[in-house]
Amino acid sequence: MSESSKAGGADQVRAIEWREDSMSTQFANVVNVQGTREQVDLFFGTNRTWNLAETESVVVDLSNRVILTPLAAKRLHSVLGGVLTEYENRHGRLDLDA
């Protein structure tokens, strides 16, 4: 992947080096978002409630919080929207009300 920007009237292309040395993988089936003027917070977790008929509340173990600048959140929105559009074109529409 590369990033392009205009500097001094000319296009500059810079390669991005993705380093995976310190990366960890987490599973999440629940996400929540909150934001302020300065940041957007993404909360990820796992729903531990298996039978809603047997409990009064849903239990979610939060595992990660990612804090983004509004600009980074806008980029994520754009990229994620594209990925989900491709997914739905291949596999069918995802229904949030199901």
PDB file of N, CA and C in Angstrom:
ATOM      1  N   MET A   1       0.838  -1.171   0.000  1.00  0.00           N
ATOM      2  CA  MET A   1       0.000   0.000   0.000  1.00  0.00           C
ATOM      3  C   MET A   1       0.880   1.231   0.000  1.00  0.00           C
ATOM      4  N   SER A   2       0.353   2.299  -0.514  1.00  0.00           N
ATOM      5  CA  SER A   2       1.100   3.543  -0.503  1.00  0.00           C
ATOM      6  C   SER A   2       0.175   4.688  -0.161  1.00  0.00           C
ATOM      7  N   GLU A   3       0.772   5.777   0.242  1.00  0.00           N
ATOM      8  CA  GLU A   3       0.013   6.967   0.588  1.00  0.00           C
ATOM      9  C   GLU A   3       0.488   8.085  -0.321  1.00  0.00           C
ATOM     10  N   SER A   4      -0.461   8.837  -0.862  1.00  0.00           N
ATOM     11  CA  SER A   4      -0.131   9.916  -1.770  1.00  0.00           C
ATOM     12  C   SER A   4      -0.523  11.240  -1.144  1.00  0.00           C
ATOM     13  N   SER A   5       0.324  12.257  -1.305  1.00  0.00           N
ATOM     14  CA  SER A   5      -0.004  13.581  -0.796  1.00  0.00           C
ATOM     15  C   SER A   5       0.608  14.629  -1.701  1.00  0.00           C
ATOM     16  N   LYS A   6       0.007  15.801  -1.696  1.00  0.00           N
ATOM     17  CA  LYS A   6       0.550  16.913  -2.480  1.00  0.00           C
ATOM     18  C   LYS A   6       1.437  17.755  -1.576  1.00  0.00           C
ATOM     19  N   ALA A   7       2.671  17.929  -1.981  1.00  0.00           N
ATOM     20  CA  ALA A   7       3.605  18.769  -1.239  1.00  0.00           C
ATOM     21  C   ALA A   7       4.355  19.628  -2.239  1.00  0.00           C
ATOM     22  N   GLY A   8       4.204  20.905  -2.117  1.00  0.00           N
ATOM     23  CA  GLY A   8       4.901  21.800  -3.028  1.00  0.00           C
ATOM     24  C   GLY A   8       4.405  21.680  -4.451  1.00  0.00           C
ATOM     25  N   GLY A   9       3.142  21.289  -4.634  1.00  0.00           N
ATOM     26  CA  GLY A   9       2.572  21.195  -5.971  1.00  0.00           C
ATOM     27  C   GLY A   9       2.848  19.887  -6.684  1.00  0.00           C
ATOM     28  N   ALA A  10       3.670  19.025  -6.128  1.00  0.00           N
ATOM     29  CA  ALA A  10       3.996  17.750  -6.775  1.00  0.00           C
ATOM     30  C   ALA A  10       3.437  16.604  -5.938  1.00  0.00           C
ATOM     31  N   ASP A  11       3.066  15.524  -6.614  1.00  0.00           N
ATOM     32  CA  ASP A  11       2.585  14.339  -5.904  1.00  0.00           C
ATOM     33  C   ASP A  11       3.765  13.578  -5.323  1.00  0.00           C
ATOM     34  N   GLN A  12       3.638  13.209  -4.065  1.00  0.00           N
ATOM     35  CA  GLN A  12       4.625  12.361  -3.415  1.00  0.00           C
ATOM     36  C   GLN A  12       3.958  11.048  -3.061  1.00  0.00           C
ATOM     37  N   VAL A  13       4.621   9.942  -3.352  1.00  0.00           N
ATOM     38  CA  VAL A  13       4.105   8.635  -2.976  1.00  0.00           C
ATOM     39  C   VAL A  13       5.092   8.021  -1.998  1.00  0.00           C
ATOM     40  N   ARG A  14       4.561   7.637  -0.852  1.00  0.00           N
ATOM     41  CA  ARG A  14       5.399   7.022   0.171  1.00  0.00           C
ATOM     42  C   ARG A  14       4.884   5.629   0.462  1.00  0.00           C
ATOM     43  N   ALA A  15       5.784   4.675   0.520  1.00  0.00           N
ATOM     44  CA  ALA A  15       5.411   3.310   0.864  1.00  0.00           C
ATOM     45  C   ALA A  15       5.142   3.223   2.359  1.00  0.00           C
ATOM     46  N   ILE A  16       4.204   2.384   2.738  1.00  0.00           N
ATOM     47  CA  ILE A  16       3.908   2.129   4.147  1.00  0.00           C
ATOM     48  C   ILE A  16       4.438   0.749   4.486  1.00  0.00           C
ATOM     49  N   GLU A  17       5.248   0.668   5.513  1.00  0.00           N
ATOM     50  CA  GLU A  17       5.796  -0.605   5.973  1.00  0.00           C
ATOM     51  C   GLU A  17       4.963  -1.080   7.149  1.00  0.00           C
ATOM     52  N   TRP A  18       4.239  -2.183   6.972  1.00  0.00           N
ATOM     53  CA  TRP A  18       3.381  -2.734   8.022  1.00  0.00           C
ATOM     54  C   TRP A  18       4.199  -3.708   8.853  1.00  0.00           C
ATOM     55  N   ARG A  19       4.395  -3.408  10.129  1.00  0.00           N
ATOM     56  CA  ARG A  19       5.155  -4.279  11.031  1.00  0.00           C
ATOM     57  C   ARG A  19       4.189  -5.037  11.932  1.00  0.00           C
ATOM     58  N   GLU A  20       4.339  -6.348  11.979  1.00  0.00           N
ATOM     59  CA  GLU A  20       3.436  -7.206  12.745  1.00  0.00           C
ATOM     60  C   GLU A  20       4.087  -7.781  13.999  1.00  0.00           C
ATOM     61  N   ASP A  21       5.303  -7.359  14.311  1.00  0.00           N
ATOM     62  CA  ASP A  21       6.054  -7.941  15.428  1.00  0.00           C
ATOM     63  C   ASP A  21       5.299  -7.878  16.754  1.00  0.00           C
ATOM     64  N   SER A  22       4.660  -6.773  17.037  1.00  0.00           N
ATOM     65  CA  SER A  22       4.001  -6.574  18.329  1.00  0.00           C
ATOM     66  C   SER A  22       2.487  -6.716  18.255  1.00  0.00           C
ATOM     67  N   MET A  23       1.981  -7.159  17.126  1.00  0.00           N
ATOM     68  CA  MET A  23       0.538  -7.247  16.938  1.00  0.00           C
ATOM     69  C   MET A  23      -0.043  -8.431  17.703  1.00  0.00           C
ATOM     70  N   SER A  24      -1.226  -8.235  18.271  1.00  0.00           N
ATOM     71  CA  SER A  24      -1.964  -9.333  18.885  1.00  0.00           C
ATOM     72  C   SER A  24      -3.344  -9.382  18.241  1.00  0.00           C
ATOM     73  N   THR A  25      -3.962 -10.527  18.307  1.00  0.00           N
ATOM     74  CA  THR A  25      -5.285 -10.708  17.709  1.00  0.00           C
ATOM     75  C   THR A  25      -6.301 -10.937  18.811  1.00  0.00           C
ATOM     76  N   GLN A  26      -7.411 -10.236  18.733  1.00  0.00           N
ATOM     77  CA  GLN A  26      -8.502 -10.361  19.691  1.00  0.00           C
ATOM     78  C   GLN A  26      -9.784 -10.638  18.912  1.00  0.00           C
ATOM     79  N   PHE A  27     -10.708 -11.386  19.510  1.00  0.00           N
ATOM     80  CA  PHE A  27     -12.025 -11.616  18.931  1.00  0.00           C
ATOM     81  C   PHE A  27     -13.019 -10.707  19.618  1.00  0.00           C
ATOM     82  N   ALA A  28     -13.939 -10.134  18.846  1.00  0.00           N
ATOM     83  CA  ALA A  28     -15.009  -9.322  19.423  1.00  0.00           C
ATOM     84  C   ALA A  28     -16.290  -9.579  18.639  1.00  0.00           C
ATOM     85  N   ASN A  29     -17.404  -9.732  19.356  1.00  0.00           N
ATOM     86  CA  ASN A  29     -18.704  -9.823  18.702  1.00  0.00           C
ATOM     87  C   ASN A  29     -19.619  -8.690  19.153  1.00  0.00           C
ATOM     88  N   VAL A  30     -19.029  -7.737  19.898  1.00  0.00           N
ATOM     89  CA  VAL A  30     -19.756  -6.550  20.355  1.00  0.00           C
ATOM     90  C   VAL A  30     -18.836  -5.347  20.151  1.00  0.00           C
ATOM     91  N   VAL A  31     -19.401  -4.254  19.655  1.00  0.00           N
ATOM     92  CA  VAL A  31     -18.630  -3.010  19.521  1.00  0.00           C
ATOM     93  C   VAL A  31     -19.522  -1.843  19.915  1.00  0.00           C
ATOM     94  N   ASN A  32     -18.933  -0.866  20.576  1.00  0.00           N
ATOM     95  CA  ASN A  32     -19.651   0.351  20.924  1.00  0.00           C
ATOM     96  C   ASN A  32     -18.743   1.522  20.591  1.00  0.00           C
ATOM     97  N   VAL A  33     -19.351   2.670  20.309  1.00  0.00           N
ATOM     98  CA  VAL A  33     -18.593   3.845  19.900  1.00  0.00           C
ATOM     99  C   VAL A  33     -19.099   5.058  20.665  1.00  0.00           C
ATOM    100  N   GLN A  34     -18.168   5.897  21.104  1.00  0.00           N
ATOM    101  CA  GLN A  34     -18.543   7.196  21.662  1.00  0.00           C
ATOM    102  C   GLN A  34     -17.531   8.209  21.157  1.00  0.00           C
ATOM    103  N   GLY A  35     -17.923   9.449  21.113  1.00  0.00           N
ATOM    104  CA  GLY A  35     -17.012  10.446  20.584  1.00  0.00           C
ATOM    105  C   GLY A  35     -17.152  11.792  21.247  1.00  0.00           C
ATOM    106  N   THR A  36     -16.079  12.546  21.167  1.00  0.00           N
ATOM    107  CA  THR A  36     -16.056  13.935  21.604  1.00  0.00           C
ATOM    108  C   THR A  36     -15.491  14.752  20.447  1.00  0.00           C
ATOM    109  N   ARG A  37     -15.342  16.022  20.648  1.00  0.00           N
ATOM    110  CA  ARG A  37     -14.766  16.879  19.604  1.00  0.00           C
ATOM    111  C   ARG A  37     -13.344  16.453  19.259  1.00  0.00           C
ATOM    112  N   GLU A  38     -12.599  15.945  20.234  1.00  0.00           N
ATOM    113  CA  GLU A  38     -11.186  15.626  20.039  1.00  0.00           C
ATOM    114  C   GLU A  38     -10.890  14.181  19.662  1.00  0.00           C
ATOM    115  N   GLN A  39     -11.814  13.257  19.954  1.00  0.00           N
ATOM    116  CA  GLN A  39     -11.494  11.842  19.718  1.00  0.00           C
ATOM    117  C   GLN A  39     -12.751  11.005  19.532  1.00  0.00           C
ATOM    118  N   VAL A  40     -12.541   9.834  18.932  1.00  0.00           N
ATOM    119  CA  VAL A  40     -13.592   8.822  18.777  1.00  0.00           C
ATOM    120  C   VAL A  40     -13.072   7.558  19.454  1.00  0.00           C
ATOM    121  N   ASP A  41     -13.860   7.023  20.391  1.00  0.00           N
ATOM    122  CA  ASP A  41     -13.461   5.826  21.140  1.00  0.00           C
ATOM    123  C   ASP A  41     -14.245   4.627  20.633  1.00  0.00           C
ATOM    124  N   LEU A  42     -13.531   3.557  20.304  1.00  0.00           N
ATOM    125  CA  LEU A  42     -14.144   2.290  19.900  1.00  0.00           C
ATOM    126  C   LEU A  42     -13.904   1.290  21.026  1.00  0.00           C
ATOM    127  N   PHE A  43     -14.971   0.659  21.506  1.00  0.00           N
ATOM    128  CA  PHE A  43     -14.882  -0.350  22.563  1.00  0.00           C
ATOM    129  C   PHE A  43     -15.251  -1.704  21.966  1.00  0.00           C
ATOM    130  N   PHE A  44     -14.406  -2.705  22.196  1.00  0.00           N
ATOM    131  CA  PHE A  44     -14.634  -4.045  21.671  1.00  0.00           C
ATOM    132  C   PHE A  44     -14.760  -5.031  22.828  1.00  0.00           C
ATOM    133  N   GLY A  45     -15.642  -6.014  22.654  1.00  0.00           N
ATOM    134  CA  GLY A  45     -15.831  -7.003  23.700  1.00  0.00           C
ATOM    135  C   GLY A  45     -16.501  -8.258  23.188  1.00  0.00           C
ATOM    136  N   THR A  46     -16.745  -9.160  24.115  1.00  0.00           N
ATOM    137  CA  THR A  46     -17.364 -10.439  23.802  1.00  0.00           C
ATOM    138  C   THR A  46     -18.604 -10.619  24.665  1.00  0.00           C
ATOM    139  N   ASN A  47     -19.721 -10.909  24.021  1.00  0.00           N
ATOM    140  CA  ASN A  47     -20.979 -11.166  24.711  1.00  0.00           C
ATOM    141  C   ASN A  47     -20.883 -12.532  25.386  1.00  0.00           C
ATOM    142  N   ARG A  48     -21.055 -12.561  26.707  1.00  0.00           N
ATOM    143  CA  ARG A  48     -20.981 -13.808  27.482  1.00  0.00           C
ATOM    144  C   ARG A  48     -22.352 -14.338  27.879  1.00  0.00           C
ATOM    145  N   THR A  49     -23.405 -13.694  27.426  1.00  0.00           N
ATOM    146  CA  THR A  49     -24.758 -14.110  27.785  1.00  0.00           C
ATOM    147  C   THR A  49     -25.274 -15.079  26.720  1.00  0.00           C
ATOM    148  N   TRP A  50     -25.452 -16.336  27.105  1.00  0.00           N
ATOM    149  CA  TRP A  50     -25.845 -17.358  26.141  1.00  0.00           C
ATOM    150  C   TRP A  50     -27.358 -17.508  26.047  1.00  0.00           C
ATOM    151  N   ASN A  51     -28.062 -17.319  27.141  1.00  0.00           N
ATOM    152  CA  ASN A  51     -29.504 -17.522  27.143  1.00  0.00           C
ATOM    153  C   ASN A  51     -30.182 -16.304  27.756  1.00  0.00           C
ATOM    154  N   LEU A  52     -30.755 -15.448  26.929  1.00  0.00           N
ATOM    155  CA  LEU A  52     -31.383 -14.216  27.408  1.00  0.00           C
ATOM    156  C   LEU A  52     -32.593 -14.485  28.291  1.00  0.00           C
ATOM    157  N   ALA A  53     -33.225 -15.640  28.143  1.00  0.00           N
ATOM    158  CA  ALA A  53     -34.404 -15.972  28.950  1.00  0.00           C
ATOM    159  C   ALA A  53     -34.038 -16.230  30.416  1.00  0.00           C
ATOM    160  N   GLU A  54     -32.779 -16.552  30.682  1.00  0.00           N
ATOM    161  CA  GLU A  54     -32.346 -16.894  32.036  1.00  0.00           C
ATOM    162  C   GLU A  54     -31.666 -15.746  32.778  1.00  0.00           C
ATOM    163  N   THR A  55     -31.584 -14.572  32.186  1.00  0.00           N
ATOM    164  CA  THR A  55     -30.872 -13.461  32.833  1.00  0.00           C
ATOM    165  C   THR A  55     -31.592 -12.139  32.608  1.00  0.00           C
ATOM    166  N   GLU A  56     -31.357 -11.198  33.501  1.00  0.00           N
ATOM    167  CA  GLU A  56     -31.976  -9.885  33.379  1.00  0.00           C
ATOM    168  C   GLU A  56     -31.118  -8.909  32.588  1.00  0.00           C
ATOM    169  N   SER A  57     -29.832  -9.229  32.386  1.00  0.00           N
ATOM    170  CA  SER A  57     -28.948  -8.316  31.669  1.00  0.00           C
ATOM    171  C   SER A  57     -28.005  -9.091  30.760  1.00  0.00           C
ATOM    172  N   VAL A  58     -27.465  -8.387  29.798  1.00  0.00           N
ATOM    173  CA  VAL A  58     -26.474  -8.959  28.889  1.00  0.00           C
ATOM    174  C   VAL A  58     -25.099  -8.627  29.458  1.00  0.00           C
ATOM    175  N   VAL A  59     -24.232  -9.619  29.563  1.00  0.00           N
ATOM    176  CA  VAL A  59     -22.893  -9.427  30.103  1.00  0.00           C
ATOM    177  C   VAL A  59     -21.897  -9.389  28.952  1.00  0.00           C
ATOM    178  N   VAL A  60     -21.155  -8.283  28.847  1.00  0.00           N
ATOM    179  CA  VAL A  60     -20.143  -8.123  27.808  1.00  0.00           C
ATOM    180  C   VAL A  60     -18.798  -7.897  28.495  1.00  0.00           C
ATOM    181  N   ASP A  61     -17.833  -8.766  28.191  1.00  0.00           N
ATOM    182  CA  ASP A  61     -16.464  -8.583  28.683  1.00  0.00           C
ATOM    183  C   ASP A  61     -15.738  -7.664  27.707  1.00  0.00           C
ATOM    184  N   LEU A  62     -15.446  -6.426  28.126  1.00  0.00           N
ATOM    185  CA  LEU A  62     -14.698  -5.513  27.271  1.00  0.00           C
ATOM    186  C   LEU A  62     -13.236  -5.928  27.249  1.00  0.00           C
ATOM    187  N   SER A  63     -12.653  -5.956  26.047  1.00  0.00           N
ATOM    188  CA  SER A  63     -11.270  -6.399  25.915  1.00  0.00           C
ATOM    189  C   SER A  63     -10.351  -5.306  25.381  1.00  0.00           C
ATOM    190  N   ASN A  64     -10.857  -4.412  24.562  1.00  0.00           N
ATOM    191  CA  ASN A  64     -10.006  -3.402  23.946  1.00  0.00           C
ATOM    192  C   ASN A  64     -10.739  -2.086  23.783  1.00  0.00           C
ATOM    193  N   ARG A  65      -9.980  -1.006  23.895  1.00  0.00           N
ATOM    194  CA  ARG A  65     -10.474   0.321  23.547  1.00  0.00           C
ATOM    195  C   ARG A  65      -9.468   0.914  22.580  1.00  0.00           C
ATOM    196  N   VAL A  66      -9.958   1.416  21.450  1.00  0.00           N
ATOM    197  CA  VAL A  66      -9.112   2.078  20.465  1.00  0.00           C
ATOM    198  C   VAL A  66      -9.570   3.528  20.396  1.00  0.00           C
ATOM    199  N   ILE A  67      -8.637   4.448  20.586  1.00  0.00           N
ATOM    200  CA  ILE A  67      -8.946   5.875  20.534  1.00  0.00           C
ATOM    201  C   ILE A  67      -8.384   6.423  19.234  1.00  0.00           C
ATOM    202  N   LEU A  68      -9.257   7.061  18.447  1.00  0.00           N
ATOM    203  CA  LEU A  68      -8.877   7.612  17.145  1.00  0.00           C
ATOM    204  C   LEU A  68      -9.080   9.112  17.118  1.00  0.00           C
ATOM    205  N   THR A  69      -8.300   9.782  16.289  1.00  0.00           N
ATOM    206  CA  THR A  69      -8.611  11.167  15.988  1.00  0.00           C
ATOM    207  C   THR A  69      -9.839  11.163  15.084  1.00  0.00           C
ATOM    208  N   PRO A  70     -10.588  12.259  15.005  1.00  0.00           N
ATOM    209  CA  PRO A  70     -11.722  12.291  14.091  1.00  0.00           C
ATOM    210  C   PRO A  70     -11.326  12.007  12.637  1.00  0.00           C
ATOM    211  N   LEU A  71     -10.159  12.471  12.201  1.00  0.00           N
ATOM    212  CA  LEU A  71      -9.717  12.209  10.834  1.00  0.00           C
ATOM    213  C   LEU A  71      -9.451  10.718  10.614  1.00  0.00           C
ATOM    214  N   ALA A  72      -8.797  10.071  11.570  1.00  0.00           N
ATOM    215  CA  ALA A  72      -8.555   8.625  11.459  1.00  0.00           C
ATOM    216  C   ALA A  72      -9.873   7.860  11.482  1.00  0.00           C
ATOM    217  N   ALA A  73     -10.845   8.311  12.285  1.00  0.00           N
ATOM    218  CA  ALA A  73     -12.162   7.665  12.326  1.00  0.00           C
ATOM    219  C   ALA A  73     -12.869   7.810  10.981  1.00  0.00           C
ATOM    220  N   LYS A  74     -12.731   8.957  10.342  1.00  0.00           N
ATOM    221  CA  LYS A  74     -13.343   9.177   9.020  1.00  0.00           C
ATOM    222  C   LYS A  74     -12.719   8.248   7.992  1.00  0.00           C
ATOM    223  N   ARG A  75     -11.404   8.073   8.052  1.00  0.00           N
ATOM    224  CA  ARG A  75     -10.723   7.134   7.133  1.00  0.00           C
ATOM    225  C   ARG A  75     -11.198   5.708   7.384  1.00  0.00           C
ATOM    226  N   LEU A  76     -11.314   5.326   8.656  1.00  0.00           N
ATOM    227  CA  LEU A  76     -11.817   3.988   8.995  1.00  0.00           C
ATOM    228  C   LEU A  76     -13.219   3.795   8.450  1.00  0.00           C
ATOM    229  N   HIS A  77     -14.067   4.787   8.611  1.00  0.00           N
ATOM    230  CA  HIS A  77     -15.442   4.735   8.090  1.00  0.00           C
ATOM    231  C   HIS A  77     -15.436   4.477   6.585  1.00  0.00           C
ATOM    232  N   SER A  78     -14.602   5.179   5.867  1.00  0.00           N
ATOM    233  CA  SER A  78     -14.530   5.029   4.413  1.00  0.00           C
ATOM    234  C   SER A  78     -14.043   3.640   4.006  1.00  0.00           C
ATOM    235  N   VAL A  79     -12.955   3.200   4.615  1.00  0.00           N
ATOM    236  CA  VAL A  79     -12.373   1.896   4.268  1.00  0.00           C
ATOM    237  C   VAL A  79     -13.297   0.754   4.682  1.00  0.00           C
ATOM    238  N   LEU A  80     -13.852   0.823   5.883  1.00  0.00           N
ATOM    239  CA  LEU A  80     -14.735  -0.226   6.379  1.00  0.00           C
ATOM    240  C   LEU A  80     -16.004  -0.310   5.544  1.00  0.00           C
ATOM    241  N   GLY A  81     -16.539   0.841   5.146  1.00  0.00           N
ATOM    242  CA  GLY A  81     -17.713   0.846   4.267  1.00  0.00           C
ATOM    243  C   GLY A  81     -17.446   0.134   2.953  1.00  0.00           C
ATOM    244  N   GLY A  82     -16.268   0.366   2.375  1.00  0.00           N
ATOM    245  CA  GLY A  82     -15.898  -0.311   1.134  1.00  0.00           C
ATOM    246  C   GLY A  82     -15.769  -1.812   1.302  1.00  0.00           C
ATOM    247  N   VAL A  83     -15.154  -2.235   2.401  1.00  0.00           N
ATOM    248  CA  VAL A  83     -14.986  -3.669   2.671  1.00  0.00           C
ATOM    249  C   VAL A  83     -16.352  -4.340   2.844  1.00  0.00           C
ATOM    250  N   LEU A  84     -17.253  -3.683   3.580  1.00  0.00           N
ATOM    251  CA  LEU A  84     -18.582  -4.266   3.804  1.00  0.00           C
ATOM    252  C   LEU A  84     -19.417  -4.293   2.522  1.00  0.00           C
ATOM    253  N   THR A  85     -19.272  -3.298   1.672  1.00  0.00           N
ATOM    254  CA  THR A  85     -19.965  -3.316   0.379  1.00  0.00           C
ATOM    255  C   THR A  85     -19.498  -4.495  -0.458  1.00  0.00           C
ATOM    256  N   GLU A  86     -18.194  -4.722  -0.508  1.00  0.00           N
ATOM    257  CA  GLU A  86     -17.656  -5.875  -1.238  1.00  0.00           C
ATOM    258  C   GLU A  86     -18.172  -7.185  -0.645  1.00  0.00           C
ATOM    259  N   TYR A  87     -18.189  -7.288   0.680  1.00  0.00           N
ATOM    260  CA  TYR A  87     -18.677  -8.491   1.352  1.00  0.00           C
ATOM    261  C   TYR A  87     -20.127  -8.771   0.959  1.00  0.00           C
ATOM    262  N   GLU A  88     -20.978  -7.744   1.034  1.00  0.00           N
ATOM    263  CA  GLU A  88     -22.396  -7.923   0.710  1.00  0.00           C
ATOM    264  C   GLU A  88     -22.601  -8.250  -0.759  1.00  0.00           C
ATOM    265  N   ASN A  89     -21.781  -7.715  -1.635  1.00  0.00           N
ATOM    266  CA  ASN A  89     -21.878  -8.058  -3.056  1.00  0.00           C
ATOM    267  C   ASN A  89     -21.569  -9.533  -3.288  1.00  0.00           C
ATOM    268  N   ARG A  90     -20.655 -10.079  -2.518  1.00  0.00           N
ATOM    269  CA  ARG A  90     -20.267 -11.485  -2.673  1.00  0.00           C
ATOM    270  C   ARG A  90     -21.183 -12.448  -1.924  1.00  0.00           C
ATOM    271  N   HIS A  91     -21.593 -12.059  -0.707  1.00  0.00           N
ATOM    272  CA  HIS A  91     -22.247 -13.013   0.187  1.00  0.00           C
ATOM    273  C   HIS A  91     -23.683 -12.673   0.547  1.00  0.00           C
ATOM    274  N   GLY A  92     -24.174 -11.541   0.121  1.00  0.00           N
ATOM    275  CA  GLY A  92     -25.546 -11.148   0.443  1.00  0.00           C
ATOM    276  C   GLY A  92     -25.581 -10.081   1.525  1.00  0.00           C
ATOM    277  N   ARG A  93     -26.704  -9.457   1.609  1.00  0.00           N
ATOM    278  CA  ARG A  93     -26.913  -8.318   2.519  1.00  0.00           C
ATOM    279  C   ARG A  93     -26.863  -8.755   3.975  1.00  0.00           C
ATOM    280  N   LEU A  94     -26.192  -7.956   4.791  1.00  0.00           N
ATOM    281  CA  LEU A  94     -26.161  -8.157   6.235  1.00  0.00           C
ATOM    282  C   LEU A  94     -27.314  -7.383   6.852  1.00  0.00           C
ATOM    283  N   ASP A  95     -28.167  -8.059   7.600  1.00  0.00           N
ATOM    284  CA  ASP A  95     -29.340  -7.432   8.196  1.00  0.00           C
ATOM    285  C   ASP A  95     -29.082  -7.203   9.681  1.00  0.00           C
ATOM    286  N   LEU A  96     -28.999  -5.944  10.090  1.00  0.00           N
ATOM    287  CA  LEU A  96     -28.740  -5.623  11.498  1.00  0.00           C
ATOM    288  C   LEU A  96     -29.914  -5.914  12.407  1.00  0.00           C
ATOM    289  N   ASP A  97     -31.119  -6.029  11.846  1.00  0.00           N
ATOM    290  CA  ASP A  97     -32.318  -6.264  12.654  1.00  0.00           C
ATOM    291  C   ASP A  97     -32.576  -7.749  12.909  1.00  0.00           C
ATOM    292  N   ALA A  98     -31.752  -8.612  12.353  1.00  0.00           N
ATOM    293  CA  ALA A  98     -31.969 -10.061  12.501  1.00  0.00           C
ATOM    294  C   ALA A  98     -31.617 -10.533  13.888  1.00  0.00           C
TER     295      ALA A  98
END
